């Protein structure tokens, strides 16, 4: 998994926690932290979460590597 994949997943988790708090408690963490839904910083965070979600769609279609293949690849890199 590349660094950008990990960043996108982390941002997506933040967005998921925010949506969970909205659904369960009617509390928007991002808006609370950054001065309301209309503030430019909150809108940037919302946009980053959306872009991360789009990026993570590609993860659904990435081929998976088994443990044996991963070990073999790491051994071949060491040689």
PDB file of N, CA and C in Angstrom:
ATOM      1  N   UNK A   1       0.852  -1.169   0.000  1.00  0.00           N
ATOM      2  CA  UNK A   1       0.000   0.000   0.000  1.00  0.00           C
ATOM      3  C   UNK A   1       0.904   1.240   0.000  1.00  0.00           C
ATOM      4  N   UNK A   2       0.632   2.142  -0.893  1.00  0.00           N
ATOM      5  CA  UNK A   2       1.474   3.323  -1.021  1.00  0.00           C
ATOM      6  C   UNK A   2       1.136   4.354   0.063  1.00  0.00           C
ATOM      7  N   UNK A   3       1.980   5.351   0.177  1.00  0.00           N
ATOM      8  CA  UNK A   3       1.785   6.399   1.174  1.00  0.00           C
ATOM      9  C   UNK A   3       0.496   7.169   0.903  1.00  0.00           C
ATOM     10  N   UNK A   4       0.225   7.462  -0.356  1.00  0.00           N
ATOM     11  CA  UNK A   4      -0.996   8.207  -0.679  1.00  0.00           C
ATOM     12  C   UNK A   4      -2.247   7.382  -0.352  1.00  0.00           C
ATOM     13  N   UNK A   5      -2.170   6.070  -0.505  1.00  0.00           N
ATOM     14  CA  UNK A   5      -3.290   5.208  -0.125  1.00  0.00           C
ATOM     15  C   UNK A   5      -3.541   5.300   1.373  1.00  0.00           C
ATOM     16  N   UNK A   6      -2.477   5.273   2.148  1.00  0.00           N
ATOM     17  CA  UNK A   6      -2.611   5.348   3.612  1.00  0.00           C
ATOM     18  C   UNK A   6      -3.151   6.698   4.056  1.00  0.00           C
ATOM     19  N   UNK A   7      -2.691   7.766   3.413  1.00  0.00           N
ATOM     20  CA  UNK A   7      -3.194   9.105   3.746  1.00  0.00           C
ATOM     21  C   UNK A   7      -4.678   9.204   3.417  1.00  0.00           C
ATOM     22  N   UNK A   8      -5.052   8.704   2.241  1.00  0.00           N
ATOM     23  CA  UNK A   8      -6.459   8.747   1.829  1.00  0.00           C
ATOM     24  C   UNK A   8      -7.329   7.951   2.795  1.00  0.00           C
ATOM     25  N   UNK A   9      -6.851   6.804   3.222  1.00  0.00           N
ATOM     26  CA  UNK A   9      -7.623   6.009   4.183  1.00  0.00           C
ATOM     27  C   UNK A   9      -7.744   6.720   5.524  1.00  0.00           C
ATOM     28  N   UNK A  10      -6.671   7.361   5.971  1.00  0.00           N
ATOM     29  CA  UNK A  10      -6.717   8.088   7.245  1.00  0.00           C
ATOM     30  C   UNK A  10      -7.713   9.247   7.174  1.00  0.00           C
ATOM     31  N   UNK A  11      -7.691   9.995   6.077  1.00  0.00           N
ATOM     32  CA  UNK A  11      -8.631  11.106   5.912  1.00  0.00           C
ATOM     33  C   UNK A  11     -10.061  10.573   5.833  1.00  0.00           C
ATOM     34  N   UNK A  12     -10.228   9.444   5.173  1.00  0.00           N
ATOM     35  CA  UNK A  12     -11.552   8.842   5.071  1.00  0.00           C
ATOM     36  C   UNK A  12     -12.070   8.376   6.432  1.00  0.00           C
ATOM     37  N   UNK A  13     -11.198   7.862   7.263  1.00  0.00           N
ATOM     38  CA  UNK A  13     -11.595   7.475   8.621  1.00  0.00           C
ATOM     39  C   UNK A  13     -12.032   8.712   9.410  1.00  0.00           C
ATOM     40  N   UNK A  14     -11.282   9.807   9.284  1.00  0.00           N
ATOM     41  CA  UNK A  14     -11.671  11.053   9.955  1.00  0.00           C
ATOM     42  C   UNK A  14     -13.054  11.485   9.490  1.00  0.00           C
ATOM     43  N   UNK A  15     -13.295  11.424   8.186  1.00  0.00           N
ATOM     44  CA  UNK A  15     -14.610  11.775   7.655  1.00  0.00           C
ATOM     45  C   UNK A  15     -15.700  10.848   8.161  1.00  0.00           C
ATOM     46  N   UNK A  16     -15.374   9.557   8.257  1.00  0.00           N
ATOM     47  CA  UNK A  16     -16.357   8.603   8.764  1.00  0.00           C
ATOM     48  C   UNK A  16     -16.717   8.853  10.217  1.00  0.00           C
ATOM     49  N   UNK A  17     -15.721   9.177  11.020  1.00  0.00           N
ATOM     50  CA  UNK A  17     -15.981   9.504  12.425  1.00  0.00           C
ATOM     51  C   UNK A  17     -16.842  10.761  12.512  1.00  0.00           C
ATOM     52  N   UNK A  18     -16.545  11.735  11.672  1.00  0.00           N
ATOM     53  CA  UNK A  18     -17.347  12.957  11.664  1.00  0.00           C
ATOM     54  C   UNK A  18     -18.798  12.658  11.285  1.00  0.00           C
ATOM     55  N   UNK A  19     -18.997  11.856  10.225  1.00  0.00           N
ATOM     56  CA  UNK A  19     -20.362  11.510   9.824  1.00  0.00           C
ATOM     57  C   UNK A  19     -21.068  10.677  10.887  1.00  0.00           C
ATOM     58  N   UNK A  20     -20.313   9.820  11.561  1.00  0.00           N
ATOM     59  CA  UNK A  20     -20.900   9.051  12.659  1.00  0.00           C
ATOM     60  C   UNK A  20     -21.377   9.952  13.785  1.00  0.00           C
ATOM     61  N   UNK A  21     -20.580  10.963  14.112  1.00  0.00           N
ATOM     62  CA  UNK A  21     -20.988  11.889  15.176  1.00  0.00           C
ATOM     63  C   UNK A  21     -22.193  12.731  14.751  1.00  0.00           C
ATOM     64  N   UNK A  22     -22.272  13.036  13.456  1.00  0.00           N
ATOM     65  CA  UNK A  22     -23.449  13.769  12.966  1.00  0.00           C
ATOM     66  C   UNK A  22     -24.691  12.879  13.066  1.00  0.00           C
ATOM     67  N   UNK A  23     -24.559  11.633  12.642  1.00  0.00           N
ATOM     68  CA  UNK A  23     -25.700  10.720  12.662  1.00  0.00           C
ATOM     69  C   UNK A  23     -26.163  10.357  14.051  1.00  0.00           C
ATOM     70  N   UNK A  24     -25.219  10.145  14.951  1.00  0.00           N
ATOM     71  CA  UNK A  24     -25.586   9.702  16.300  1.00  0.00           C
ATOM     72  C   UNK A  24     -25.920  10.849  17.251  1.00  0.00           C
ATOM     73  N   UNK A  25     -25.171  11.930  17.144  1.00  0.00           N
ATOM     74  CA  UNK A  25     -25.283  12.993  18.148  1.00  0.00           C
ATOM     75  C   UNK A  25     -25.666  14.361  17.584  1.00  0.00           C
ATOM     76  N   UNK A  26     -25.859  14.436  16.249  1.00  0.00           N
ATOM     77  CA  UNK A  26     -26.127  15.723  15.593  1.00  0.00           C
ATOM     78  C   UNK A  26     -25.021  16.729  15.904  1.00  0.00           C
ATOM     79  N   UNK A  27     -23.797  16.252  15.909  1.00  0.00           N
ATOM     80  CA  UNK A  27     -22.657  17.100  16.227  1.00  0.00           C
ATOM     81  C   UNK A  27     -21.612  16.968  15.127  1.00  0.00           C
ATOM     82  N   UNK A  28     -21.348  18.045  14.428  1.00  0.00           N
ATOM     83  CA  UNK A  28     -20.377  18.077  13.339  1.00  0.00           C
ATOM     84  C   UNK A  28     -19.029  18.513  13.913  1.00  0.00           C
ATOM     85  N   UNK A  29     -18.125  17.567  14.071  1.00  0.00           N
ATOM     86  CA  UNK A  29     -16.822  17.837  14.679  1.00  0.00           C
ATOM     87  C   UNK A  29     -16.018  18.830  13.838  1.00  0.00           C
ATOM     88  N   UNK A  30     -16.022  18.640  12.522  1.00  0.00           N
ATOM     89  CA  UNK A  30     -15.252  19.519  11.634  1.00  0.00           C
ATOM     90  C   UNK A  30     -15.766  20.954  11.739  1.00  0.00           C
ATOM     91  N   UNK A  31     -17.060  21.139  11.684  1.00  0.00           N
ATOM     92  CA  UNK A  31     -17.635  22.480  11.797  1.00  0.00           C
ATOM     93  C   UNK A  31     -17.317  23.085  13.159  1.00  0.00           C
ATOM     94  N   UNK A  32     -17.384  22.291  14.193  1.00  0.00           N
ATOM     95  CA  UNK A  32     -17.089  22.769  15.540  1.00  0.00           C
ATOM     96  C   UNK A  32     -15.630  23.212  15.654  1.00  0.00           C
ATOM     97  N   UNK A  33     -14.727  22.428  15.082  1.00  0.00           N
ATOM     98  CA  UNK A  33     -13.301  22.756  15.171  1.00  0.00           C
ATOM     99  C   UNK A  33     -12.922  23.988  14.361  1.00  0.00           C
ATOM    100  N   UNK A  34     -13.572  24.171  13.213  1.00  0.00           N
ATOM    101  CA  UNK A  34     -13.122  25.191  12.278  1.00  0.00           C
ATOM    102  C   UNK A  34     -14.108  26.336  12.072  1.00  0.00           C
ATOM    103  N   UNK A  35     -15.052  26.518  12.973  1.00  0.00           N
ATOM    104  CA  UNK A  35     -15.887  27.718  12.926  1.00  0.00           C
ATOM    105  C   UNK A  35     -17.113  27.636  12.051  1.00  0.00           C
ATOM    106  N   UNK A  36     -17.714  26.499  11.905  1.00  0.00           N
ATOM    107  CA  UNK A  36     -18.950  26.369  11.143  1.00  0.00           C
ATOM    108  C   UNK A  36     -18.725  25.709   9.794  1.00  0.00           C
ATOM    109  N   UNK A  37     -19.814  25.190   9.235  1.00  0.00           N
ATOM    110  CA  UNK A  37     -19.741  24.475   7.962  1.00  0.00           C
ATOM    111  C   UNK A  37     -19.331  25.372   6.808  1.00  0.00           C
ATOM    112  N   UNK A  38     -19.592  26.641   6.906  1.00  0.00           N
ATOM    113  CA  UNK A  38     -19.298  27.552   5.819  1.00  0.00           C
ATOM    114  C   UNK A  38     -17.880  28.103   5.818  1.00  0.00           C
ATOM    115  N   UNK A  39     -17.126  27.850   6.873  1.00  0.00           N
ATOM    116  CA  UNK A  39     -15.766  28.390   6.906  1.00  0.00           C
ATOM    117  C   UNK A  39     -14.902  27.707   5.850  1.00  0.00           C
ATOM    118  N   UNK A  40     -13.934  28.425   5.363  1.00  0.00           N
ATOM    119  CA  UNK A  40     -13.114  27.921   4.265  1.00  0.00           C
ATOM    120  C   UNK A  40     -12.329  26.678   4.690  1.00  0.00           C
ATOM    121  N   UNK A  41     -11.851  26.644   5.927  1.00  0.00           N
ATOM    122  CA  UNK A  41     -11.066  25.481   6.381  1.00  0.00           C
ATOM    123  C   UNK A  41     -11.956  24.242   6.463  1.00  0.00           C
ATOM    124  N   UNK A  42     -13.168  24.402   6.997  1.00  0.00           N
ATOM    125  CA  UNK A  42     -14.093  23.268   7.075  1.00  0.00           C
ATOM    126  C   UNK A  42     -14.441  22.769   5.675  1.00  0.00           C
ATOM    127  N   UNK A  43     -14.649  23.680   4.756  1.00  0.00           N
ATOM    128  CA  UNK A  43     -14.976  23.278   3.388  1.00  0.00           C
ATOM    129  C   UNK A  43     -13.804  22.545   2.737  1.00  0.00           C
ATOM    130  N   UNK A  44     -12.586  22.955   3.055  1.00  0.00           N
ATOM    131  CA  UNK A  44     -11.405  22.249   2.535  1.00  0.00           C
ATOM    132  C   UNK A  44     -11.348  20.843   3.104  1.00  0.00           C
ATOM    133  N   UNK A  45     -11.626  20.706   4.406  1.00  0.00           N
ATOM    134  CA  UNK A  45     -11.619  19.371   5.025  1.00  0.00           C
ATOM    135  C   UNK A  45     -12.681  18.490   4.382  1.00  0.00           C
ATOM    136  N   UNK A  46     -13.886  19.036   4.178  1.00  0.00           N
ATOM    137  CA  UNK A  46     -14.951  18.258   3.534  1.00  0.00           C
ATOM    138  C   UNK A  46     -14.536  17.839   2.121  1.00  0.00           C
ATOM    139  N   UNK A  47     -13.902  18.744   1.400  1.00  0.00           N
ATOM    140  CA  UNK A  47     -13.455  18.425   0.036  1.00  0.00           C
ATOM    141  C   UNK A  47     -12.380  17.346   0.058  1.00  0.00           C
ATOM    142  N   UNK A  48     -11.458  17.417   1.021  1.00  0.00           N
ATOM    143  CA  UNK A  48     -10.405  16.402   1.125  1.00  0.00           C
ATOM    144  C   UNK A  48     -10.987  15.025   1.453  1.00  0.00           C
ATOM    145  N   UNK A  49     -12.005  15.006   2.296  1.00  0.00           N
ATOM    146  CA  UNK A  49     -12.662  13.730   2.609  1.00  0.00           C
ATOM    147  C   UNK A  49     -13.322  13.164   1.356  1.00  0.00           C
ATOM    148  N   UNK A  50     -13.971  14.013   0.594  1.00  0.00           N
ATOM    149  CA  UNK A  50     -14.604  13.559  -0.650  1.00  0.00           C
ATOM    150  C   UNK A  50     -13.586  13.050  -1.657  1.00  0.00           C
ATOM    151  N   UNK A  51     -12.484  13.773  -1.820  1.00  0.00           N
ATOM    152  CA  UNK A  51     -11.433  13.327  -2.734  1.00  0.00           C
ATOM    153  C   UNK A  51     -10.801  12.021  -2.260  1.00  0.00           C
ATOM    154  N   UNK A  52     -10.645  11.891  -0.951  1.00  0.00           N
ATOM    155  CA  UNK A  52     -10.095  10.645  -0.410  1.00  0.00           C
ATOM    156  C   UNK A  52     -11.015   9.469  -0.686  1.00  0.00           C
ATOM    157  N   UNK A  53     -12.308   9.708  -0.579  1.00  0.00           N
ATOM    158  CA  UNK A  53     -13.274   8.645  -0.884  1.00  0.00           C
ATOM    159  C   UNK A  53     -13.162   8.221  -2.341  1.00  0.00           C
ATOM    160  N   UNK A  54     -13.024   9.196  -3.228  1.00  0.00           N
ATOM    161  CA  UNK A  54     -12.865   8.864  -4.644  1.00  0.00           C
ATOM    162  C   UNK A  54     -11.577   8.091  -4.884  1.00  0.00           C
ATOM    163  N   UNK A  55     -10.504   8.487  -4.217  1.00  0.00           N
ATOM    164  CA  UNK A  55      -9.223   7.792  -4.360  1.00  0.00           C
ATOM    165  C   UNK A  55      -9.347   6.348  -3.857  1.00  0.00           C
ATOM    166  N   UNK A  56     -10.045   6.165  -2.742  1.00  0.00           N
ATOM    167  CA  UNK A  56     -10.144   4.830  -2.139  1.00  0.00           C
ATOM    168  C   UNK A  56     -10.991   3.877  -2.967  1.00  0.00           C
ATOM    169  N   UNK A  57     -11.796   4.400  -3.883  1.00  0.00           N
ATOM    170  CA  UNK A  57     -12.517   3.516  -4.799  1.00  0.00           C
ATOM    171  C   UNK A  57     -11.521   2.676  -5.581  1.00  0.00           C
ATOM    172  N   UNK A  58     -10.389   3.279  -5.939  1.00  0.00           N
ATOM    173  CA  UNK A  58      -9.373   2.535  -6.696  1.00  0.00           C
ATOM    174  C   UNK A  58      -8.800   1.371  -5.886  1.00  0.00           C
ATOM    175  N   UNK A  59      -8.812   1.491  -4.565  1.00  0.00           N
ATOM    176  CA  UNK A  59      -8.292   0.404  -3.724  1.00  0.00           C
ATOM    177  C   UNK A  59      -9.152  -0.853  -3.836  1.00  0.00           C
ATOM    178  N   UNK A  60     -10.407  -0.668  -4.167  1.00  0.00           N
ATOM    179  CA  UNK A  60     -11.288  -1.826  -4.327  1.00  0.00           C
ATOM    180  C   UNK A  60     -10.875  -2.699  -5.502  1.00  0.00           C
ATOM    181  N   UNK A  61     -10.225  -2.098  -6.477  1.00  0.00           N
ATOM    182  CA  UNK A  61      -9.886  -2.817  -7.694  1.00  0.00           C
ATOM    183  C   UNK A  61      -8.408  -3.162  -7.805  1.00  0.00           C
ATOM    184  N   UNK A  62      -7.628  -2.844  -6.760  1.00  0.00           N
ATOM    185  CA  UNK A  62      -6.209  -3.201  -6.774  1.00  0.00           C
ATOM    186  C   UNK A  62      -6.065  -4.690  -6.541  1.00  0.00           C
ATOM    187  N   UNK A  63      -5.158  -5.321  -7.253  1.00  0.00           N
ATOM    188  CA  UNK A  63      -4.943  -6.750  -6.998  1.00  0.00           C
ATOM    189  C   UNK A  63      -4.319  -6.948  -5.619  1.00  0.00           C
ATOM    190  N   UNK A  64      -4.751  -7.989  -4.950  1.00  0.00           N
ATOM    191  CA  UNK A  64      -4.190  -8.283  -3.637  1.00  0.00           C
ATOM    192  C   UNK A  64      -2.984  -9.196  -3.776  1.00  0.00           C
ATOM    193  N   UNK A  65      -2.110  -9.130  -2.810  1.00  0.00           N
ATOM    194  CA  UNK A  65      -0.904  -9.940  -2.805  1.00  0.00           C
ATOM    195  C   UNK A  65      -0.979 -10.859  -1.594  1.00  0.00           C
ATOM    196  N   UNK A  66      -0.761 -12.158  -1.819  1.00  0.00           N
ATOM    197  CA  UNK A  66      -0.792 -13.091  -0.705  1.00  0.00           C
ATOM    198  C   UNK A  66       0.474 -12.930   0.128  1.00  0.00           C
ATOM    199  N   UNK A  67       0.474 -13.467   1.331  1.00  0.00           N
ATOM    200  CA  UNK A  67       1.639 -13.382   2.214  1.00  0.00           C
ATOM    201  C   UNK A  67       2.846 -14.065   1.592  1.00  0.00           C
ATOM    202  N   UNK A  68       2.619 -15.189   0.936  1.00  0.00           N
ATOM    203  CA  UNK A  68       3.731 -15.911   0.314  1.00  0.00           C
ATOM    204  C   UNK A  68       4.370 -15.064  -0.784  1.00  0.00           C
ATOM    205  N   UNK A  69       3.522 -14.422  -1.600  1.00  0.00           N
ATOM    206  CA  UNK A  69       4.042 -13.571  -2.664  1.00  0.00           C
ATOM    207  C   UNK A  69       4.788 -12.369  -2.097  1.00  0.00           C
ATOM    208  N   UNK A  70       4.272 -11.799  -1.018  1.00  0.00           N
ATOM    209  CA  UNK A  70       4.922 -10.650  -0.398  1.00  0.00           C
ATOM    210  C   UNK A  70       6.282 -11.042   0.169  1.00  0.00           C
ATOM    211  N   UNK A  71       6.357 -12.206   0.814  1.00  0.00           N
ATOM    212  CA  UNK A  71       7.641 -12.672   1.352  1.00  0.00           C
ATOM    213  C   UNK A  71       8.634 -12.941   0.235  1.00  0.00           C
ATOM    214  N   UNK A  72       8.149 -13.523  -0.847  1.00  0.00           N
ATOM    215  CA  UNK A  72       9.012 -13.804  -1.992  1.00  0.00           C
ATOM    216  C   UNK A  72       9.528 -12.507  -2.607  1.00  0.00           C
ATOM    217  N   UNK A  73       8.658 -11.512  -2.705  1.00  0.00           N
ATOM    218  CA  UNK A  73       9.073 -10.221  -3.259  1.00  0.00           C
ATOM    219  C   UNK A  73      10.100  -9.551  -2.363  1.00  0.00           C
ATOM    220  N   UNK A  74       9.893  -9.623  -1.046  1.00  0.00           N
ATOM    221  CA  UNK A  74      10.869  -8.993  -0.152  1.00  0.00           C
ATOM    222  C   UNK A  74      12.209  -9.716  -0.182  1.00  0.00           C
ATOM    223  N   UNK A  75      12.187 -11.055  -0.336  1.00  0.00           N
ATOM    224  CA  UNK A  75      13.447 -11.806  -0.439  1.00  0.00           C
ATOM    225  C   UNK A  75      14.185 -11.465  -1.719  1.00  0.00           C
ATOM    226  N   UNK A  76      13.449 -11.315  -2.819  1.00  0.00           N
ATOM    227  CA  UNK A  76      14.103 -11.001  -4.083  1.00  0.00           C
ATOM    228  C   UNK A  76      14.689  -9.596  -4.085  1.00  0.00           C
ATOM    229  N   UNK A  77      14.111  -8.682  -3.326  1.00  0.00           N
ATOM    230  CA  UNK A  77      14.654  -7.332  -3.232  1.00  0.00           C
ATOM    231  C   UNK A  77      15.949  -7.298  -2.423  1.00  0.00           C
ATOM    232  N   UNK A  78      16.079  -8.211  -1.468  1.00  0.00           N
ATOM    233  CA  UNK A  78      17.268  -8.261  -0.638  1.00  0.00           C
ATOM    234  C   UNK A  78      18.477  -8.834  -1.393  1.00  0.00           C
ATOM    235  N   UNK A  79      18.201  -9.638  -2.412  1.00  0.00           N
ATOM    236  CA  UNK A  79      19.314 -10.259  -3.175  1.00  0.00           C
ATOM    237  C   UNK A  79      19.973  -9.343  -4.131  1.00  0.00           C
TER     238      UNK A  79
END
